[in-house]
């Protein structure tokens, strides 16, 4: 029986009041892709001009040893 995959997630909001350049989005996605991240959702918070990217990748053995809750 195979083990259920575990994931780690990453969220980044880029841009500003005057929008987000395609080059900024592309650079972030390319950098994350090299690190093994897979973008699973990209959205624009209401009337912000920003873009939020949500990504995931398989949880590494070293990350499993860290606390499940940030700051603990």
PDB file of N, CA and C in Angstrom:
ATOM      1  N   UNK A   1       0.846  -1.178   0.000  1.00  0.00           N
ATOM      2  CA  UNK A   1       0.000   0.000   0.000  1.00  0.00           C
ATOM      3  C   UNK A   1       0.899   1.251   0.000  1.00  0.00           C
ATOM      4  N   UNK A   2       0.650   2.166  -0.893  1.00  0.00           N
ATOM      5  CA  UNK A   2       1.502   3.347  -1.002  1.00  0.00           C
ATOM      6  C   UNK A   2       1.113   4.398   0.030  1.00  0.00           C
ATOM      7  N   UNK A   3       2.118   5.194   0.387  1.00  0.00           N
ATOM      8  CA  UNK A   3       1.921   6.257   1.358  1.00  0.00           C
ATOM      9  C   UNK A   3       1.212   7.444   0.698  1.00  0.00           C
ATOM     10  N   UNK A   4       0.317   8.083   1.424  1.00  0.00           N
ATOM     11  CA  UNK A   4      -0.370   9.269   0.923  1.00  0.00           C
ATOM     12  C   UNK A   4       0.647  10.395   0.776  1.00  0.00           C
ATOM     13  N   UNK A   5       0.691  11.053  -0.382  1.00  0.00           N
ATOM     14  CA  UNK A   5       1.678  12.133  -0.557  1.00  0.00           C
ATOM     15  C   UNK A   5       1.419  13.276   0.423  1.00  0.00           C
ATOM     16  N   UNK A   6       2.513  13.872   0.880  1.00  0.00           N
ATOM     17  CA  UNK A   6       2.423  15.056   1.727  1.00  0.00           C
ATOM     18  C   UNK A   6       3.038  16.211   0.960  1.00  0.00           C
ATOM     19  N   UNK A   7       2.481  17.401   1.152  1.00  0.00           N
ATOM     20  CA  UNK A   7       2.884  18.566   0.375  1.00  0.00           C
ATOM     21  C   UNK A   7       3.331  19.695   1.286  1.00  0.00           C
ATOM     22  N   UNK A   8       4.186  20.553   0.738  1.00  0.00           N
ATOM     23  CA  UNK A   8       4.445  21.848   1.354  1.00  0.00           C
ATOM     24  C   UNK A   8       3.974  22.900   0.358  1.00  0.00           C
ATOM     25  N   UNK A   9       3.556  24.036   0.884  1.00  0.00           N
ATOM     26  CA  UNK A   9       2.955  25.077   0.051  1.00  0.00           C
ATOM     27  C   UNK A   9       3.730  26.383   0.189  1.00  0.00           C
ATOM     28  N   UNK A  10       3.605  27.196  -0.834  1.00  0.00           N
ATOM     29  CA  UNK A  10       4.273  28.493  -0.870  1.00  0.00           C
ATOM     30  C   UNK A  10       3.310  29.489  -1.489  1.00  0.00           C
ATOM     31  N   UNK A  11       3.252  30.692  -0.928  1.00  0.00           N
ATOM     32  CA  UNK A  11       2.364  31.743  -1.432  1.00  0.00           C
ATOM     33  C   UNK A  11       3.175  33.024  -1.589  1.00  0.00           C
ATOM     34  N   UNK A  12       2.969  33.700  -2.701  1.00  0.00           N
ATOM     35  CA  UNK A  12       3.667  34.955  -2.964  1.00  0.00           C
ATOM     36  C   UNK A  12       2.699  35.923  -3.625  1.00  0.00           C
ATOM     37  N   UNK A  13       2.665  37.146  -3.118  1.00  0.00           N
ATOM     38  CA  UNK A  13       1.880  38.212  -3.752  1.00  0.00           C
ATOM     39  C   UNK A  13       2.860  39.236  -4.282  1.00  0.00           C
ATOM     40  N   UNK A  14       2.745  39.540  -5.576  1.00  0.00           N
ATOM     41  CA  UNK A  14       3.656  40.492  -6.207  1.00  0.00           C
ATOM     42  C   UNK A  14       2.847  41.578  -6.904  1.00  0.00           C
ATOM     43  N   UNK A  15       3.523  42.676  -7.180  1.00  0.00           N
ATOM     44  CA  UNK A  15       2.873  43.776  -7.890  1.00  0.00           C
ATOM     45  C   UNK A  15       2.463  44.881  -6.932  1.00  0.00           C
ATOM     46  N   UNK A  16       1.686  45.798  -7.455  1.00  0.00           N
ATOM     47  CA  UNK A  16       1.260  46.934  -6.648  1.00  0.00           C
ATOM     48  C   UNK A  16       0.032  47.600  -7.229  1.00  0.00           C
ATOM     49  N   UNK A  17      -0.203  48.790  -6.782  1.00  0.00           N
ATOM     50  CA  UNK A  17      -1.384  49.553  -7.167  1.00  0.00           C
ATOM     51  C   UNK A  17      -1.520  49.696  -8.678  1.00  0.00           C
ATOM     52  N   UNK A  18      -0.391  49.775  -9.361  1.00  0.00           N
ATOM     53  CA  UNK A  18      -0.420  49.999 -10.809  1.00  0.00           C
ATOM     54  C   UNK A  18      -0.287  48.706 -11.604  1.00  0.00           C
ATOM     55  N   UNK A  19      -0.476  47.564 -10.940  1.00  0.00           N
ATOM     56  CA  UNK A  19      -0.478  46.293 -11.645  1.00  0.00           C
ATOM     57  C   UNK A  19       0.795  45.493 -11.457  1.00  0.00           C
ATOM     58  N   UNK A  20       0.823  44.386 -12.160  1.00  0.00           N
ATOM     59  CA  UNK A  20       1.956  43.471 -12.099  1.00  0.00           C
ATOM     60  C   UNK A  20       2.419  43.207 -13.524  1.00  0.00           C
ATOM     61  N   UNK A  21       3.700  43.335 -13.741  1.00  0.00           N
ATOM     62  CA  UNK A  21       4.238  43.092 -15.078  1.00  0.00           C
ATOM     63  C   UNK A  21       4.344  41.588 -15.332  1.00  0.00           C
ATOM     64  N   UNK A  22       4.070  41.198 -16.559  1.00  0.00           N
ATOM     65  CA  UNK A  22       4.169  39.791 -16.934  1.00  0.00           C
ATOM     66  C   UNK A  22       5.552  39.234 -16.616  1.00  0.00           C
ATOM     67  N   UNK A  23       6.580  40.065 -16.788  1.00  0.00           N
ATOM     68  CA  UNK A  23       7.940  39.622 -16.537  1.00  0.00           C
ATOM     69  C   UNK A  23       8.145  39.233 -15.078  1.00  0.00           C
ATOM     70  N   UNK A  24       7.476  39.941 -14.144  1.00  0.00           N
ATOM     71  CA  UNK A  24       7.582  39.610 -12.726  1.00  0.00           C
ATOM     72  C   UNK A  24       6.972  38.242 -12.446  1.00  0.00           C
ATOM     73  N   UNK A  25       5.825  37.996 -13.030  1.00  0.00           N
ATOM     74  CA  UNK A  25       5.133  36.717 -12.839  1.00  0.00           C
ATOM     75  C   UNK A  25       5.971  35.593 -13.439  1.00  0.00           C
ATOM     76  N   UNK A  26       6.434  35.811 -14.651  1.00  0.00           N
ATOM     77  CA  UNK A  26       7.228  34.794 -15.342  1.00  0.00           C
ATOM     78  C   UNK A  26       8.505  34.467 -14.570  1.00  0.00           C
ATOM     79  N   UNK A  27       9.184  35.482 -14.064  1.00  0.00           N
ATOM     80  CA  UNK A  27      10.418  35.257 -13.307  1.00  0.00           C
ATOM     81  C   UNK A  27      10.152  34.449 -12.042  1.00  0.00           C
ATOM     82  N   UNK A  28       9.095  34.793 -11.324  1.00  0.00           N
ATOM     83  CA  UNK A  28       8.758  34.052 -10.103  1.00  0.00           C
ATOM     84  C   UNK A  28       8.440  32.596 -10.424  1.00  0.00           C
ATOM     85  N   UNK A  29       7.635  32.373 -11.458  1.00  0.00           N
ATOM     86  CA  UNK A  29       7.269  31.003 -11.828  1.00  0.00           C
ATOM     87  C   UNK A  29       8.484  30.195 -12.290  1.00  0.00           C
ATOM     88  N   UNK A  30       9.368  30.815 -13.065  1.00  0.00           N
ATOM     89  CA  UNK A  30      10.574  30.122 -13.525  1.00  0.00           C
ATOM     90  C   UNK A  30      11.497  29.768 -12.356  1.00  0.00           C
ATOM     91  N   UNK A  31      11.688  30.714 -11.437  1.00  0.00           N
ATOM     92  CA  UNK A  31      12.524  30.454 -10.259  1.00  0.00           C
ATOM     93  C   UNK A  31      11.948  29.313  -9.430  1.00  0.00           C
ATOM     94  N   UNK A  32      10.663  29.366  -9.190  1.00  0.00           N
ATOM     95  CA  UNK A  32      10.007  28.326  -8.385  1.00  0.00           C
ATOM     96  C   UNK A  32      10.060  26.982  -9.092  1.00  0.00           C
ATOM     97  N   UNK A  33       9.902  26.972 -10.406  1.00  0.00           N
ATOM     98  CA  UNK A  33       9.966  25.723 -11.160  1.00  0.00           C
ATOM     99  C   UNK A  33      11.315  25.044 -11.010  1.00  0.00           C
ATOM    100  N   UNK A  34      12.380  25.829 -10.991  1.00  0.00           N
ATOM    101  CA  UNK A  34      13.720  25.279 -10.792  1.00  0.00           C
ATOM    102  C   UNK A  34      13.881  24.663  -9.405  1.00  0.00           C
ATOM    103  N   UNK A  35      13.086  25.140  -8.444  1.00  0.00           N
ATOM    104  CA  UNK A  35      13.139  24.628  -7.074  1.00  0.00           C
ATOM    105  C   UNK A  35      12.139  23.488  -6.856  1.00  0.00           C
ATOM    106  N   UNK A  36      11.438  23.099  -7.918  1.00  0.00           N
ATOM    107  CA  UNK A  36      10.501  21.981  -7.802  1.00  0.00           C
ATOM    108  C   UNK A  36       9.080  22.352  -7.435  1.00  0.00           C
ATOM    109  N   UNK A  37       8.765  23.644  -7.407  1.00  0.00           N
ATOM    110  CA  UNK A  37       7.412  24.086  -7.071  1.00  0.00           C
ATOM    111  C   UNK A  37       6.512  24.015  -8.298  1.00  0.00           C
ATOM    112  N   UNK A  38       5.249  23.688  -8.082  1.00  0.00           N
ATOM    113  CA  UNK A  38       4.243  23.613  -9.137  1.00  0.00           C
ATOM    114  C   UNK A  38       3.130  24.595  -8.789  1.00  0.00           C
ATOM    115  N   UNK A  39       2.949  25.631  -9.625  1.00  0.00           N
ATOM    116  CA  UNK A  39       1.883  26.613  -9.366  1.00  0.00           C
ATOM    117  C   UNK A  39       0.536  25.919  -9.513  1.00  0.00           C
ATOM    118  N   UNK A  40      -0.284  26.030  -8.474  1.00  0.00           N
ATOM    119  CA  UNK A  40      -1.600  25.392  -8.503  1.00  0.00           C
ATOM    120  C   UNK A  40      -2.735  26.408  -8.566  1.00  0.00           C
ATOM    121  N   UNK A  41      -2.420  27.679  -8.284  1.00  0.00           N
ATOM    122  CA  UNK A  41      -3.458  28.705  -8.350  1.00  0.00           C
ATOM    123  C   UNK A  41      -2.795  30.070  -8.486  1.00  0.00           C
ATOM    124  N   UNK A  42      -3.297  30.877  -9.392  1.00  0.00           N
ATOM    125  CA  UNK A  42      -2.837  32.251  -9.561  1.00  0.00           C
ATOM    126  C   UNK A  42      -4.087  33.116  -9.635  1.00  0.00           C
ATOM    127  N   UNK A  43      -4.126  34.157  -8.807  1.00  0.00           N
ATOM    128  CA  UNK A  43      -5.313  35.013  -8.806  1.00  0.00           C
ATOM    129  C   UNK A  43      -4.944  36.450  -8.479  1.00  0.00           C
ATOM    130  N   UNK A  44      -5.862  37.352  -8.768  1.00  0.00           N
ATOM    131  CA  UNK A  44      -5.689  38.766  -8.467  1.00  0.00           C
ATOM    132  C   UNK A  44      -6.653  39.153  -7.360  1.00  0.00           C
ATOM    133  N   UNK A  45      -6.130  39.504  -6.176  1.00  0.00           N
ATOM    134  CA  UNK A  45      -7.023  39.970  -5.121  1.00  0.00           C
ATOM    135  C   UNK A  45      -7.811  41.186  -5.613  1.00  0.00           C
ATOM    136  N   UNK A  46      -9.040  41.246  -5.258  1.00  0.00           N
ATOM    137  CA  UNK A  46      -9.980  42.252  -5.749  1.00  0.00           C
ATOM    138  C   UNK A  46      -9.396  43.667  -5.766  1.00  0.00           C
ATOM    139  N   UNK A  47      -9.352  44.249  -6.954  1.00  0.00           N
ATOM    140  CA  UNK A  47      -8.960  45.634  -7.202  1.00  0.00           C
ATOM    141  C   UNK A  47      -7.624  46.022  -6.573  1.00  0.00           C
ATOM    142  N   UNK A  48      -6.692  45.065  -6.466  1.00  0.00           N
ATOM    143  CA  UNK A  48      -5.413  45.361  -5.825  1.00  0.00           C
ATOM    144  C   UNK A  48      -4.311  45.675  -6.826  1.00  0.00           C
ATOM    145  N   UNK A  49      -4.450  45.196  -8.067  1.00  0.00           N
ATOM    146  CA  UNK A  49      -3.374  45.339  -9.036  1.00  0.00           C
ATOM    147  C   UNK A  49      -2.250  44.339  -8.807  1.00  0.00           C
ATOM    148  N   UNK A  50      -2.411  43.492  -7.789  1.00  0.00           N
ATOM    149  CA  UNK A  50      -1.391  42.496  -7.454  1.00  0.00           C
ATOM    150  C   UNK A  50      -1.809  41.120  -7.959  1.00  0.00           C
ATOM    151  N   UNK A  51      -0.854  40.216  -7.979  1.00  0.00           N
ATOM    152  CA  UNK A  51      -1.104  38.827  -8.358  1.00  0.00           C
ATOM    153  C   UNK A  51      -0.583  37.946  -7.227  1.00  0.00           C
ATOM    154  N   UNK A  52      -1.402  36.988  -6.813  1.00  0.00           N
ATOM    155  CA  UNK A  52      -0.993  36.030  -5.791  1.00  0.00           C
ATOM    156  C   UNK A  52      -0.816  34.671  -6.445  1.00  0.00           C
ATOM    157  N   UNK A  53       0.322  34.037  -6.171  1.00  0.00           N
ATOM    158  CA  UNK A  53       0.651  32.725  -6.716  1.00  0.00           C
ATOM    159  C   UNK A  53       0.705  31.734  -5.553  1.00  0.00           C
ATOM    160  N   UNK A  54       0.021  30.606  -5.715  1.00  0.00           N
ATOM    161  CA  UNK A  54       0.057  29.529  -4.731  1.00  0.00           C
ATOM    162  C   UNK A  54       0.687  28.324  -5.419  1.00  0.00           C
ATOM    163  N   UNK A  55       1.672  27.720  -4.764  1.00  0.00           N
ATOM    164  CA  UNK A  55       2.379  26.581  -5.346  1.00  0.00           C
ATOM    165  C   UNK A  55       2.546  25.479  -4.303  1.00  0.00           C
ATOM    166  N   UNK A  56       2.818  24.267  -4.805  1.00  0.00           N
ATOM    167  CA  UNK A  56       3.084  23.159  -3.899  1.00  0.00           C
ATOM    168  C   UNK A  56       4.175  22.288  -4.491  1.00  0.00           C
ATOM    169  N   UNK A  57       4.809  21.513  -3.608  1.00  0.00           N
ATOM    170  CA  UNK A  57       5.769  20.500  -4.025  1.00  0.00           C
ATOM    171  C   UNK A  57       5.756  19.403  -2.967  1.00  0.00           C
ATOM    172  N   UNK A  58       6.232  18.217  -3.342  1.00  0.00           N
ATOM    173  CA  UNK A  58       6.256  17.141  -2.351  1.00  0.00           C
ATOM    174  C   UNK A  58       7.080  17.553  -1.131  1.00  0.00           C
ATOM    175  N   UNK A  59       6.590  17.198   0.030  1.00  0.00           N
ATOM    176  CA  UNK A  59       7.257  17.519   1.277  1.00  0.00           C
ATOM    177  C   UNK A  59       8.535  16.705   1.399  1.00  0.00           C
ATOM    178  N   UNK A  60       9.648  17.389   1.628  1.00  0.00           N
ATOM    179  CA  UNK A  60      10.936  16.705   1.761  1.00  0.00           C
ATOM    180  C   UNK A  60      11.073  16.113   3.160  1.00  0.00           C
ATOM    181  N   UNK A  61      11.977  15.180   3.318  1.00  0.00           N
ATOM    182  CA  UNK A  61      12.200  14.547   4.619  1.00  0.00           C
ATOM    183  C   UNK A  61      12.624  15.578   5.658  1.00  0.00           C
ATOM    184  N   UNK A  62      13.459  16.556   5.271  1.00  0.00           N
ATOM    185  CA  UNK A  62      13.906  17.566   6.238  1.00  0.00           C
ATOM    186  C   UNK A  62      12.756  18.481   6.642  1.00  0.00           C
ATOM    187  N   UNK A  63      11.857  18.780   5.725  1.00  0.00           N
ATOM    188  CA  UNK A  63      10.713  19.632   6.053  1.00  0.00           C
ATOM    189  C   UNK A  63       9.743  18.911   6.971  1.00  0.00           C
ATOM    190  N   UNK A  64       9.658  17.583   6.869  1.00  0.00           N
ATOM    191  CA  UNK A  64       8.769  16.816   7.742  1.00  0.00           C
ATOM    192  C   UNK A  64       9.175  16.935   9.196  1.00  0.00           C
ATOM    193  N   UNK A  65      10.460  17.158   9.427  1.00  0.00           N
ATOM    194  CA  UNK A  65      10.948  17.256  10.799  1.00  0.00           C
ATOM    195  C   UNK A  65      10.618  18.600  11.432  1.00  0.00           C
ATOM    196  N   UNK A  66      10.334  19.601  10.615  1.00  0.00           N
ATOM    197  CA  UNK A  66       9.980  20.913  11.143  1.00  0.00           C
ATOM    198  C   UNK A  66       8.576  20.880  11.729  1.00  0.00           C
ATOM    199  N   UNK A  67       8.296  21.822  12.577  1.00  0.00           N
ATOM    200  CA  UNK A  67       6.971  21.921  13.194  1.00  0.00           C
ATOM    201  C   UNK A  67       5.898  22.119  12.135  1.00  0.00           C
ATOM    202  N   UNK A  68       4.732  21.557  12.365  1.00  0.00           N
ATOM    203  CA  UNK A  68       3.623  21.690  11.436  1.00  0.00           C
ATOM    204  C   UNK A  68       3.047  23.103  11.407  1.00  0.00           C
ATOM    205  N   UNK A  69       3.247  23.862  12.472  1.00  0.00           N
ATOM    206  CA  UNK A  69       2.688  25.218  12.546  1.00  0.00           C
ATOM    207  C   UNK A  69       3.810  26.240  12.592  1.00  0.00           C
ATOM    208  N   UNK A  70       3.758  27.253  11.717  1.00  0.00           N
ATOM    209  CA  UNK A  70       4.793  28.282  11.723  1.00  0.00           C
ATOM    210  C   UNK A  70       4.903  28.942  13.093  1.00  0.00           C
ATOM    211  N   UNK A  71       6.120  29.205  13.522  1.00  0.00           N
ATOM    212  CA  UNK A  71       6.337  29.903  14.778  1.00  0.00           C
ATOM    213  C   UNK A  71       6.345  29.006  16.005  1.00  0.00           C
ATOM    214  N   UNK A  72       6.198  27.699  15.820  1.00  0.00           N
ATOM    215  CA  UNK A  72       6.226  26.794  16.977  1.00  0.00           C
ATOM    216  C   UNK A  72       7.518  26.041  17.009  1.00  0.00           C
TER     217      UNK A  72
END
